[in-house]
Amino acid sequence: MTRCGIYSRVSTSKQEAENQLAQLRAFASLQGWGLAPETIYVDQVTGKHSSRPQFERMFHDASQRKFDVLLFWSLDRLSREGALETLQHLTRLTGYGIQWRSLTEQYLDSTGIFREAVISILAVVAKQERVRLSERTRAGLERARQQGKILGRPRVNVDADAVRELRAQNLSWAEISRRLGIARSTAQLYGA
């Protein structure tokens, strides 16, 4: 018998979680999947981060193969971190030998014959998100440059003569660094 884990996440009320869980349990039962209480994971927090107690416990249990398939209400209930991160979560489950399925999005199903197609499509979506993120970053940097903003670390003015003079007094690099308010490696660079 296939052992099922259920992950549910809600941002608001406990009632909403119970509604999801009732339908998820009923679906697991229709599939003939066994369901143990210790493999039901419910978080009542935002899905924008993966540092959720039950989410982390679910992945720990997945790594221990405490269930064979993970059932969730919808992909946004599993994660709202973005396509790339969400794909990484699904890939991690797959790497543990765990199949996964969305109750409300029938095409998100690694238990069926279209498993490889679903994973390939998600990989393409994640790649496109990486490209869009990179393009937005470049556009933002270009706009900042056009507005006259100086990008990168602020330049440090170093008095090389002062570094050499303090070094001639047999002060350590750490002491020179502290006195001049510069990094030790910078003091060493200008003191050589």
N, C-alpha and C. Protein backbone atom coordinates (compact mmCIF):
# COMPACT_ATOMS: atom_id res chain seq x y z
N MET A 1 0.84 -1.18 0.00
CA MET A 1 0.00 0.00 0.00
C MET A 1 0.89 1.25 0.00
N THR A 2 0.54 2.21 -0.84
CA THR A 2 1.24 3.48 -0.90
C THR A 2 0.94 4.28 0.36
N ARG A 3 2.01 4.75 1.00
CA ARG A 3 1.86 5.58 2.21
C ARG A 3 1.84 7.04 1.79
N CYS A 4 0.85 7.76 2.26
CA CYS A 4 0.63 9.15 1.85
C CYS A 4 0.99 10.11 2.98
N GLY A 5 1.67 11.19 2.62
CA GLY A 5 1.87 12.32 3.51
C GLY A 5 1.04 13.46 2.97
N ILE A 6 0.53 14.29 3.86
CA ILE A 6 -0.26 15.44 3.45
C ILE A 6 0.39 16.69 4.00
N TYR A 7 0.55 17.69 3.12
CA TYR A 7 1.03 18.99 3.59
C TYR A 7 -0.05 20.02 3.31
N SER A 8 -0.38 20.79 4.34
CA SER A 8 -1.37 21.85 4.21
C SER A 8 -0.80 23.11 4.85
N ARG A 9 -1.03 24.23 4.19
CA ARG A 9 -0.59 25.50 4.75
C ARG A 9 -1.70 26.51 4.57
N VAL A 10 -1.98 27.22 5.63
CA VAL A 10 -2.97 28.30 5.58
C VAL A 10 -2.36 29.54 6.22
N SER A 11 -2.82 30.67 5.79
CA SER A 11 -2.33 31.92 6.35
C SER A 11 -3.28 32.47 7.41
N THR A 12 -4.50 31.97 7.40
CA THR A 12 -5.51 32.58 8.27
C THR A 12 -6.07 31.61 9.28
N SER A 13 -7.24 31.11 9.04
CA SER A 13 -7.98 30.41 10.09
C SER A 13 -7.73 28.91 10.11
N LYS A 14 -7.95 28.33 11.27
CA LYS A 14 -7.87 26.89 11.45
C LYS A 14 -8.97 26.20 10.63
N GLN A 15 -10.11 26.87 10.47
CA GLN A 15 -11.23 26.30 9.71
C GLN A 15 -10.81 26.01 8.26
N GLU A 16 -10.06 26.94 7.67
CA GLU A 16 -9.61 26.75 6.29
C GLU A 16 -8.71 25.52 6.20
N ALA A 17 -7.86 25.31 7.19
CA ALA A 17 -6.98 24.14 7.22
C ALA A 17 -7.81 22.87 7.30
N GLU A 18 -8.84 22.86 8.13
CA GLU A 18 -9.68 21.68 8.26
C GLU A 18 -10.41 21.37 6.96
N ASN A 19 -10.84 22.41 6.25
CA ASN A 19 -11.50 22.20 4.96
C ASN A 19 -10.55 21.52 3.98
N GLN A 20 -9.32 22.03 3.90
CA GLN A 20 -8.32 21.42 3.02
C GLN A 20 -8.06 19.98 3.42
N LEU A 21 -7.82 19.76 4.72
CA LEU A 21 -7.47 18.42 5.20
C LEU A 21 -8.57 17.40 4.93
N ALA A 22 -9.82 17.80 5.09
CA ALA A 22 -10.92 16.87 4.84
C ALA A 22 -10.90 16.40 3.39
N GLN A 23 -10.71 17.32 2.46
CA GLN A 23 -10.69 16.95 1.05
C GLN A 23 -9.44 16.15 0.69
N LEU A 24 -8.31 16.51 1.29
CA LEU A 24 -7.06 15.78 1.03
C LEU A 24 -7.16 14.34 1.55
N ARG A 25 -7.71 14.19 2.75
CA ARG A 25 -7.89 12.83 3.32
C ARG A 25 -8.82 11.99 2.44
N ALA A 26 -9.92 12.60 2.00
CA ALA A 26 -10.89 11.88 1.16
C ALA A 26 -10.24 11.44 -0.15
N PHE A 27 -9.44 12.31 -0.74
CA PHE A 27 -8.77 11.96 -2.00
C PHE A 27 -7.77 10.82 -1.79
N ALA A 28 -6.98 10.91 -0.72
CA ALA A 28 -6.02 9.85 -0.41
C ALA A 28 -6.74 8.52 -0.24
N SER A 29 -7.87 8.55 0.42
CA SER A 29 -8.65 7.34 0.63
C SER A 29 -9.15 6.76 -0.70
N LEU A 30 -9.64 7.64 -1.60
CA LEU A 30 -10.11 7.19 -2.91
C LEU A 30 -8.98 6.55 -3.72
N GLN A 31 -7.75 7.02 -3.52
CA GLN A 31 -6.60 6.47 -4.24
C GLN A 31 -6.14 5.15 -3.63
N GLY A 32 -6.66 4.84 -2.43
CA GLY A 32 -6.22 3.64 -1.74
C GLY A 32 -4.90 3.83 -1.02
N TRP A 33 -4.56 5.10 -0.75
CA TRP A 33 -3.30 5.41 -0.08
C TRP A 33 -3.49 5.35 1.43
N GLY A 34 -2.55 4.74 2.12
CA GLY A 34 -2.58 4.71 3.57
C GLY A 34 -2.14 6.05 4.13
N LEU A 35 -2.76 6.47 5.20
CA LEU A 35 -2.47 7.78 5.78
C LEU A 35 -2.32 7.64 7.29
N ALA A 36 -1.16 8.01 7.78
CA ALA A 36 -0.91 7.96 9.23
C ALA A 36 -0.97 9.37 9.79
N PRO A 37 -1.49 9.55 11.00
CA PRO A 37 -1.59 10.90 11.59
C PRO A 37 -0.24 11.62 11.67
N GLU A 38 0.84 10.87 11.87
CA GLU A 38 2.15 11.53 11.99
C GLU A 38 2.71 12.02 10.65
N THR A 39 2.02 11.70 9.54
CA THR A 39 2.49 12.20 8.25
C THR A 39 1.53 13.25 7.69
N ILE A 40 0.82 13.93 8.58
CA ILE A 40 -0.01 15.07 8.20
C ILE A 40 0.66 16.31 8.77
N TYR A 41 1.02 17.22 7.89
CA TYR A 41 1.80 18.40 8.25
C TYR A 41 0.99 19.64 7.94
N VAL A 42 0.76 20.49 8.94
CA VAL A 42 -0.04 21.70 8.76
C VAL A 42 0.70 22.89 9.34
N ASP A 43 0.93 23.89 8.51
CA ASP A 43 1.52 25.15 8.95
C ASP A 43 0.48 26.24 8.82
N GLN A 44 0.46 27.14 9.78
CA GLN A 44 -0.42 28.31 9.70
C GLN A 44 0.47 29.55 9.66
N VAL A 45 1.17 29.69 8.53
CA VAL A 45 2.11 30.79 8.32
C VAL A 45 2.16 31.11 6.83
N THR A 46 2.88 32.15 6.50
CA THR A 46 3.06 32.51 5.10
C THR A 46 3.88 31.44 4.39
N GLY A 47 3.68 31.32 3.10
CA GLY A 47 4.43 30.35 2.32
C GLY A 47 5.59 30.97 1.57
N LYS A 48 5.94 32.22 1.92
CA LYS A 48 7.00 32.92 1.20
C LYS A 48 8.40 32.47 1.64
N HIS A 49 8.47 31.70 2.70
CA HIS A 49 9.77 31.24 3.19
C HIS A 49 9.67 29.75 3.49
N SER A 50 10.80 29.06 3.41
CA SER A 50 10.78 27.62 3.68
C SER A 50 11.05 27.31 5.14
N SER A 51 11.27 28.33 5.96
CA SER A 51 11.49 28.08 7.39
C SER A 51 10.15 28.02 8.11
N ARG A 52 9.42 26.94 7.82
CA ARG A 52 8.13 26.67 8.44
C ARG A 52 8.28 25.34 9.19
N PRO A 53 7.86 25.29 10.44
CA PRO A 53 8.12 24.09 11.26
C PRO A 53 7.62 22.78 10.64
N GLN A 54 6.39 22.75 10.20
CA GLN A 54 5.84 21.51 9.66
C GLN A 54 6.41 21.20 8.26
N PHE A 55 6.72 22.23 7.52
CA PHE A 55 7.35 22.07 6.20
C PHE A 55 8.71 21.39 6.37
N GLU A 56 9.48 21.89 7.33
CA GLU A 56 10.79 21.31 7.60
C GLU A 56 10.66 19.88 8.11
N ARG A 57 9.67 19.63 8.98
CA ARG A 57 9.45 18.27 9.50
C ARG A 57 9.05 17.33 8.37
N MET A 58 8.23 17.83 7.46
CA MET A 58 7.80 17.02 6.32
C MET A 58 9.01 16.60 5.48
N PHE A 59 9.93 17.54 5.22
CA PHE A 59 11.12 17.19 4.44
C PHE A 59 12.03 16.22 5.19
N HIS A 60 12.12 16.40 6.49
CA HIS A 60 12.92 15.46 7.29
C HIS A 60 12.32 14.06 7.17
N ASP A 61 11.00 13.96 7.33
CA ASP A 61 10.33 12.66 7.23
C ASP A 61 10.44 12.09 5.81
N ALA A 62 10.38 12.96 4.81
CA ALA A 62 10.55 12.50 3.43
C ALA A 62 11.93 11.88 3.24
N SER A 63 12.93 12.50 3.82
CA SER A 63 14.29 11.97 3.70
C SER A 63 14.42 10.62 4.39
N GLN A 64 13.56 10.37 5.36
CA GLN A 64 13.53 9.10 6.08
C GLN A 64 12.57 8.09 5.44
N ARG A 65 11.92 8.51 4.33
CA ARG A 65 10.96 7.67 3.59
C ARG A 65 9.81 7.20 4.47
N LYS A 66 9.26 8.13 5.28
CA LYS A 66 8.12 7.79 6.13
C LYS A 66 6.81 7.78 5.35
N PHE A 67 6.85 8.27 4.12
CA PHE A 67 5.70 8.21 3.22
C PHE A 67 6.22 8.08 1.80
N ASP A 68 5.36 7.68 0.87
CA ASP A 68 5.75 7.44 -0.52
C ASP A 68 5.32 8.56 -1.46
N VAL A 69 4.22 9.23 -1.11
CA VAL A 69 3.69 10.29 -1.95
C VAL A 69 3.25 11.44 -1.04
N LEU A 70 3.52 12.66 -1.49
CA LEU A 70 3.07 13.84 -0.75
C LEU A 70 1.91 14.47 -1.51
N LEU A 71 0.82 14.65 -0.82
CA LEU A 71 -0.37 15.26 -1.39
C LEU A 71 -0.53 16.65 -0.79
N PHE A 72 -0.76 17.65 -1.63
CA PHE A 72 -1.00 19.01 -1.15
C PHE A 72 -2.16 19.60 -1.92
N TRP A 73 -2.79 20.62 -1.33
CA TRP A 73 -3.99 21.22 -1.89
C TRP A 73 -3.70 21.86 -3.25
N SER A 74 -2.69 22.72 -3.29
CA SER A 74 -2.27 23.37 -4.53
C SER A 74 -0.82 23.79 -4.36
N LEU A 75 -0.17 24.09 -5.47
CA LEU A 75 1.25 24.42 -5.42
C LEU A 75 1.52 25.63 -4.54
N ASP A 76 0.60 26.61 -4.54
CA ASP A 76 0.83 27.79 -3.69
C ASP A 76 0.62 27.49 -2.22
N ARG A 77 -0.01 26.37 -1.90
CA ARG A 77 -0.10 25.95 -0.50
C ARG A 77 1.20 25.29 -0.06
N LEU A 78 1.92 24.70 -1.03
CA LEU A 78 3.22 24.10 -0.72
C LEU A 78 4.26 25.19 -0.56
N SER A 79 4.29 26.14 -1.50
CA SER A 79 5.30 27.20 -1.45
C SER A 79 4.88 28.39 -2.28
N ARG A 80 5.21 29.57 -1.79
CA ARG A 80 5.02 30.81 -2.55
C ARG A 80 6.36 31.52 -2.72
N GLU A 81 7.42 30.74 -2.73
CA GLU A 81 8.77 31.31 -2.80
C GLU A 81 9.18 31.67 -4.22
N GLY A 82 8.41 31.27 -5.20
CA GLY A 82 8.76 31.50 -6.59
C GLY A 82 8.94 30.18 -7.31
N ALA A 83 8.92 30.23 -8.63
CA ALA A 83 8.96 29.00 -9.43
C ALA A 83 10.24 28.21 -9.21
N LEU A 84 11.37 28.90 -9.18
CA LEU A 84 12.64 28.20 -9.03
C LEU A 84 12.73 27.47 -7.70
N GLU A 85 12.43 28.16 -6.61
CA GLU A 85 12.50 27.55 -5.29
C GLU A 85 11.49 26.41 -5.15
N THR A 86 10.30 26.63 -5.68
CA THR A 86 9.27 25.59 -5.60
C THR A 86 9.70 24.36 -6.38
N LEU A 87 10.26 24.56 -7.57
CA LEU A 87 10.78 23.44 -8.34
C LEU A 87 11.87 22.71 -7.56
N GLN A 88 12.70 23.46 -6.86
CA GLN A 88 13.75 22.82 -6.06
C GLN A 88 13.15 21.96 -4.95
N HIS A 89 12.06 22.42 -4.36
CA HIS A 89 11.39 21.61 -3.33
C HIS A 89 10.85 20.32 -3.94
N LEU A 90 10.22 20.42 -5.11
CA LEU A 90 9.67 19.23 -5.76
C LEU A 90 10.79 18.28 -6.19
N THR A 91 11.88 18.86 -6.67
CA THR A 91 13.03 18.05 -7.07
C THR A 91 13.65 17.35 -5.86
N ARG A 92 13.68 18.05 -4.76
CA ARG A 92 14.20 17.45 -3.51
C ARG A 92 13.34 16.25 -3.11
N LEU A 93 12.02 16.40 -3.18
CA LEU A 93 11.13 15.28 -2.87
C LEU A 93 11.41 14.11 -3.82
N THR A 94 11.52 14.42 -5.11
CA THR A 94 11.79 13.39 -6.10
C THR A 94 13.11 12.69 -5.80
N GLY A 95 14.11 13.48 -5.39
CA GLY A 95 15.41 12.92 -5.04
C GLY A 95 15.35 11.96 -3.87
N TYR A 96 14.41 12.19 -2.97
CA TYR A 96 14.22 11.29 -1.83
C TYR A 96 13.40 10.05 -2.23
N GLY A 97 12.95 10.02 -3.48
CA GLY A 97 12.11 8.91 -3.92
C GLY A 97 10.65 9.09 -3.57
N ILE A 98 10.27 10.35 -3.29
CA ILE A 98 8.89 10.66 -2.91
C ILE A 98 8.17 11.25 -4.12
N GLN A 99 7.02 10.69 -4.44
CA GLN A 99 6.19 11.26 -5.49
C GLN A 99 5.35 12.38 -4.87
N TRP A 100 4.74 13.22 -5.68
CA TRP A 100 3.94 14.32 -5.17
C TRP A 100 2.76 14.58 -6.11
N ARG A 101 1.74 15.17 -5.51
CA ARG A 101 0.54 15.45 -6.30
C ARG A 101 -0.22 16.62 -5.69
N SER A 102 -0.72 17.49 -6.56
CA SER A 102 -1.58 18.58 -6.16
C SER A 102 -3.03 18.12 -6.33
N LEU A 103 -3.85 18.35 -5.32
CA LEU A 103 -5.25 17.96 -5.40
C LEU A 103 -6.01 18.79 -6.43
N THR A 104 -5.80 20.09 -6.44
CA THR A 104 -6.60 20.98 -7.28
C THR A 104 -5.98 21.26 -8.64
N GLU A 105 -4.72 20.90 -8.83
CA GLU A 105 -4.04 21.13 -10.11
C GLU A 105 -3.61 19.76 -10.63
N GLN A 106 -4.50 19.12 -11.35
CA GLN A 106 -4.30 17.73 -11.75
C GLN A 106 -3.05 17.51 -12.60
N TYR A 107 -2.59 18.55 -13.27
CA TYR A 107 -1.39 18.42 -14.10
C TYR A 107 -0.11 18.37 -13.25
N LEU A 108 -0.19 18.75 -11.96
CA LEU A 108 0.97 18.68 -11.07
C LEU A 108 0.93 17.34 -10.34
N ASP A 109 1.41 16.32 -11.03
CA ASP A 109 1.27 14.96 -10.54
C ASP A 109 2.48 14.15 -10.99
N SER A 110 3.34 13.79 -10.05
CA SER A 110 4.48 12.97 -10.42
C SER A 110 4.18 11.49 -10.24
N THR A 111 2.92 11.16 -9.93
CA THR A 111 2.56 9.76 -9.73
C THR A 111 2.07 9.11 -11.00
N GLY A 112 1.80 9.89 -12.03
CA GLY A 112 1.19 9.36 -13.24
C GLY A 112 2.18 9.20 -14.38
N ILE A 113 1.62 8.92 -15.55
CA ILE A 113 2.45 8.63 -16.73
C ILE A 113 3.13 9.88 -17.30
N PHE A 114 2.64 11.07 -16.94
CA PHE A 114 3.22 12.30 -17.47
C PHE A 114 4.24 12.92 -16.53
N ARG A 115 4.74 12.11 -15.61
CA ARG A 115 5.69 12.58 -14.58
C ARG A 115 6.85 13.38 -15.17
N GLU A 116 7.55 12.80 -16.15
CA GLU A 116 8.72 13.46 -16.74
C GLU A 116 8.32 14.75 -17.46
N ALA A 117 7.18 14.75 -18.11
CA ALA A 117 6.72 15.94 -18.82
C ALA A 117 6.44 17.06 -17.83
N VAL A 118 5.79 16.73 -16.72
CA VAL A 118 5.47 17.74 -15.70
C VAL A 118 6.76 18.35 -15.15
N ILE A 119 7.72 17.51 -14.81
CA ILE A 119 8.99 18.00 -14.25
C ILE A 119 9.72 18.86 -15.27
N SER A 120 9.70 18.45 -16.55
CA SER A 120 10.36 19.24 -17.60
C SER A 120 9.71 20.60 -17.77
N ILE A 121 8.40 20.63 -17.76
CA ILE A 121 7.69 21.91 -17.90
C ILE A 121 8.01 22.82 -16.73
N LEU A 122 8.00 22.28 -15.51
CA LEU A 122 8.33 23.09 -14.34
C LEU A 122 9.76 23.61 -14.41
N ALA A 123 10.67 22.81 -14.93
CA ALA A 123 12.06 23.24 -15.07
C ALA A 123 12.16 24.42 -16.05
N VAL A 124 11.40 24.37 -17.14
CA VAL A 124 11.40 25.47 -18.11
C VAL A 124 10.83 26.73 -17.48
N VAL A 125 9.76 26.58 -16.72
CA VAL A 125 9.16 27.74 -16.04
C VAL A 125 10.16 28.35 -15.06
N ALA A 126 10.86 27.51 -14.30
CA ALA A 126 11.86 28.00 -13.35
C ALA A 126 13.00 28.71 -14.07
N LYS A 127 13.42 28.17 -15.21
CA LYS A 127 14.50 28.80 -15.98
C LYS A 127 14.05 30.18 -16.46
N GLN A 128 12.82 30.28 -16.94
CA GLN A 128 12.30 31.57 -17.39
C GLN A 128 12.24 32.56 -16.24
N GLU A 129 11.90 32.10 -15.05
CA GLU A 129 11.86 33.00 -13.90
C GLU A 129 13.27 33.51 -13.58
N ARG A 130 14.27 32.63 -13.67
CA ARG A 130 15.65 33.06 -13.44
C ARG A 130 16.05 34.13 -14.45
N VAL A 131 15.67 33.94 -15.73
CA VAL A 131 16.00 34.90 -16.78
C VAL A 131 15.31 36.23 -16.49
N ARG A 132 14.03 36.19 -16.13
CA ARG A 132 13.29 37.43 -15.83
C ARG A 132 13.90 38.15 -14.63
N LEU A 133 14.27 37.42 -13.61
CA LEU A 133 14.88 38.02 -12.43
C LEU A 133 16.20 38.69 -12.80
N SER A 134 16.99 38.03 -13.61
CA SER A 134 18.26 38.59 -14.05
C SER A 134 18.04 39.86 -14.88
N GLU A 135 17.05 39.84 -15.76
CA GLU A 135 16.74 41.01 -16.58
C GLU A 135 16.27 42.18 -15.73
N ARG A 136 15.43 41.90 -14.72
CA ARG A 136 14.95 42.97 -13.83
C ARG A 136 16.11 43.55 -13.03
N THR A 137 17.02 42.71 -12.60
CA THR A 137 18.18 43.19 -11.83
C THR A 137 19.04 44.10 -12.70
N ARG A 138 19.33 43.64 -13.93
CA ARG A 138 20.14 44.46 -14.84
C ARG A 138 19.45 45.79 -15.15
N ALA A 139 18.15 45.76 -15.36
CA ALA A 139 17.40 46.99 -15.65
C ALA A 139 17.46 47.93 -14.46
N GLY A 140 17.32 47.41 -13.26
CA GLY A 140 17.40 48.23 -12.06
C GLY A 140 18.77 48.86 -11.88
N LEU A 141 19.82 48.09 -12.14
CA LEU A 141 21.19 48.62 -12.04
C LEU A 141 21.42 49.71 -13.08
N GLU A 142 20.94 49.48 -14.29
CA GLU A 142 21.10 50.47 -15.36
C GLU A 142 20.36 51.76 -15.02
N ARG A 143 19.15 51.64 -14.50
CA ARG A 143 18.39 52.83 -14.10
C ARG A 143 19.13 53.59 -13.01
N ALA A 144 19.69 52.88 -12.04
CA ALA A 144 20.43 53.52 -10.96
C ALA A 144 21.65 54.26 -11.52
N ARG A 145 22.36 53.64 -12.48
CA ARG A 145 23.51 54.30 -13.09
C ARG A 145 23.08 55.58 -13.82
N GLN A 146 21.96 55.50 -14.55
CA GLN A 146 21.46 56.65 -15.29
C GLN A 146 21.06 57.79 -14.35
N GLN A 147 20.68 57.45 -13.14
CA GLN A 147 20.32 58.46 -12.14
C GLN A 147 21.55 58.99 -11.41
N GLY A 148 22.72 58.51 -11.82
CA GLY A 148 23.96 59.01 -11.24
C GLY A 148 24.39 58.31 -9.96
N LYS A 149 23.75 57.23 -9.60
CA LYS A 149 24.13 56.51 -8.39
C LYS A 149 25.41 55.73 -8.65
N ILE A 150 26.27 55.74 -7.68
CA ILE A 150 27.51 54.98 -7.76
C ILE A 150 27.25 53.62 -7.14
N LEU A 151 27.49 52.58 -7.92
CA LEU A 151 27.21 51.22 -7.47
C LEU A 151 28.49 50.57 -6.93
N GLY A 152 28.29 49.57 -6.11
CA GLY A 152 29.42 48.84 -5.56
C GLY A 152 29.82 49.38 -4.20
N ARG A 153 30.88 48.83 -3.70
CA ARG A 153 31.39 49.28 -2.40
C ARG A 153 31.90 50.70 -2.48
N PRO A 154 31.73 51.44 -1.39
CA PRO A 154 32.31 52.78 -1.39
C PRO A 154 33.84 52.69 -1.38
N ARG A 155 34.46 53.60 -2.07
CA ARG A 155 35.93 53.61 -2.11
C ARG A 155 36.48 54.07 -0.76
N VAL A 156 37.59 53.47 -0.39
CA VAL A 156 38.25 53.81 0.86
C VAL A 156 39.51 54.59 0.52
N ASN A 157 39.63 55.76 1.10
CA ASN A 157 40.86 56.53 0.91
C ASN A 157 41.89 56.06 1.92
N VAL A 158 43.01 55.60 1.42
CA VAL A 158 44.05 55.07 2.28
C VAL A 158 45.29 55.94 2.14
N ASP A 159 45.80 56.35 3.29
CA ASP A 159 47.05 57.11 3.31
C ASP A 159 48.18 56.10 3.42
N ALA A 160 48.77 55.75 2.26
CA ALA A 160 49.82 54.72 2.22
C ALA A 160 51.02 55.13 3.08
N ASP A 161 51.31 56.44 3.12
CA ASP A 161 52.45 56.89 3.94
C ASP A 161 52.18 56.63 5.42
N ALA A 162 50.93 56.85 5.85
CA ALA A 162 50.58 56.61 7.26
C ALA A 162 50.70 55.13 7.59
N VAL A 163 50.29 54.27 6.67
CA VAL A 163 50.40 52.83 6.89
C VAL A 163 51.87 52.45 7.06
N ARG A 164 52.71 52.93 6.15
CA ARG A 164 54.15 52.60 6.22
C ARG A 164 54.79 53.17 7.48
N GLU A 165 54.39 54.36 7.86
CA GLU A 165 54.95 54.99 9.07
C GLU A 165 54.59 54.18 10.32
N LEU A 166 53.34 53.77 10.44
CA LEU A 166 52.91 52.97 11.59
C LEU A 166 53.59 51.59 11.58
N ARG A 167 53.79 51.05 10.39
CA ARG A 167 54.47 49.75 10.30
C ARG A 167 55.93 49.89 10.71
N ALA A 168 56.53 51.04 10.38
CA ALA A 168 57.93 51.29 10.77
C ALA A 168 58.06 51.38 12.28
N GLN A 169 56.95 51.69 12.95
CA GLN A 169 56.96 51.75 14.43
C GLN A 169 56.70 50.37 15.03
N ASN A 170 56.78 49.33 14.18
CA ASN A 170 56.59 47.93 14.59
C ASN A 170 55.19 47.63 15.12
N LEU A 171 54.19 48.37 14.64
CA LEU A 171 52.82 48.06 15.03
C LEU A 171 52.32 46.88 14.20
N SER A 172 51.44 46.10 14.79
CA SER A 172 50.88 44.95 14.07
C SER A 172 49.90 45.45 13.00
N TRP A 173 49.62 44.56 12.05
CA TRP A 173 48.66 44.91 11.01
C TRP A 173 47.28 45.17 11.62
N ALA A 174 46.93 44.40 12.63
CA ALA A 174 45.64 44.60 13.30
C ALA A 174 45.56 45.98 13.95
N GLU A 175 46.64 46.40 14.61
CA GLU A 175 46.66 47.72 15.26
C GLU A 175 46.62 48.84 14.23
N ILE A 176 47.35 48.68 13.13
CA ILE A 176 47.33 49.69 12.06
C ILE A 176 45.92 49.78 11.48
N SER A 177 45.32 48.63 11.27
CA SER A 177 43.96 48.57 10.75
C SER A 177 42.99 49.32 11.67
N ARG A 178 43.09 49.06 12.98
CA ARG A 178 42.21 49.69 13.95
C ARG A 178 42.42 51.20 13.98
N ARG A 179 43.66 51.64 14.00
CA ARG A 179 43.95 53.08 14.09
C ARG A 179 43.48 53.85 12.85
N LEU A 180 43.65 53.25 11.69
CA LEU A 180 43.29 53.97 10.46
C LEU A 180 41.86 53.70 9.99
N GLY A 181 41.19 52.75 10.63
CA GLY A 181 39.81 52.45 10.25
C GLY A 181 39.69 51.78 8.90
N ILE A 182 40.68 50.94 8.61
CA ILE A 182 40.65 50.20 7.34
C ILE A 182 40.78 48.71 7.64
N ALA A 183 40.50 47.90 6.65
CA ALA A 183 40.62 46.45 6.81
C ALA A 183 42.09 46.07 6.93
N ARG A 184 42.34 45.01 7.66
CA ARG A 184 43.72 44.53 7.85
C ARG A 184 44.36 44.22 6.49
N SER A 185 43.60 43.57 5.59
CA SER A 185 44.16 43.24 4.27
C SER A 185 44.50 44.50 3.48
N THR A 186 43.73 45.57 3.67
CA THR A 186 44.02 46.84 2.99
C THR A 186 45.29 47.44 3.55
N ALA A 187 45.44 47.39 4.86
CA ALA A 187 46.68 47.89 5.47
C ALA A 187 47.89 47.13 4.95
N GLN A 188 47.76 45.82 4.84
CA GLN A 188 48.86 45.01 4.34
C GLN A 188 49.17 45.33 2.88
N LEU A 189 48.14 45.59 2.10
CA LEU A 189 48.32 45.91 0.69
C LEU A 189 49.10 47.22 0.52
N TYR A 190 48.71 48.24 1.30
CA TYR A 190 49.37 49.55 1.16
C TYR A 190 50.65 49.66 1.94
N GLY A 191 50.88 48.75 2.88
CA GLY A 191 52.09 48.80 3.68
C GLY A 191 53.25 48.05 3.10
N ALA A 192 53.02 47.33 2.03
CA ALA A 192 54.09 46.51 1.45
C ALA A 192 55.04 47.32 0.62
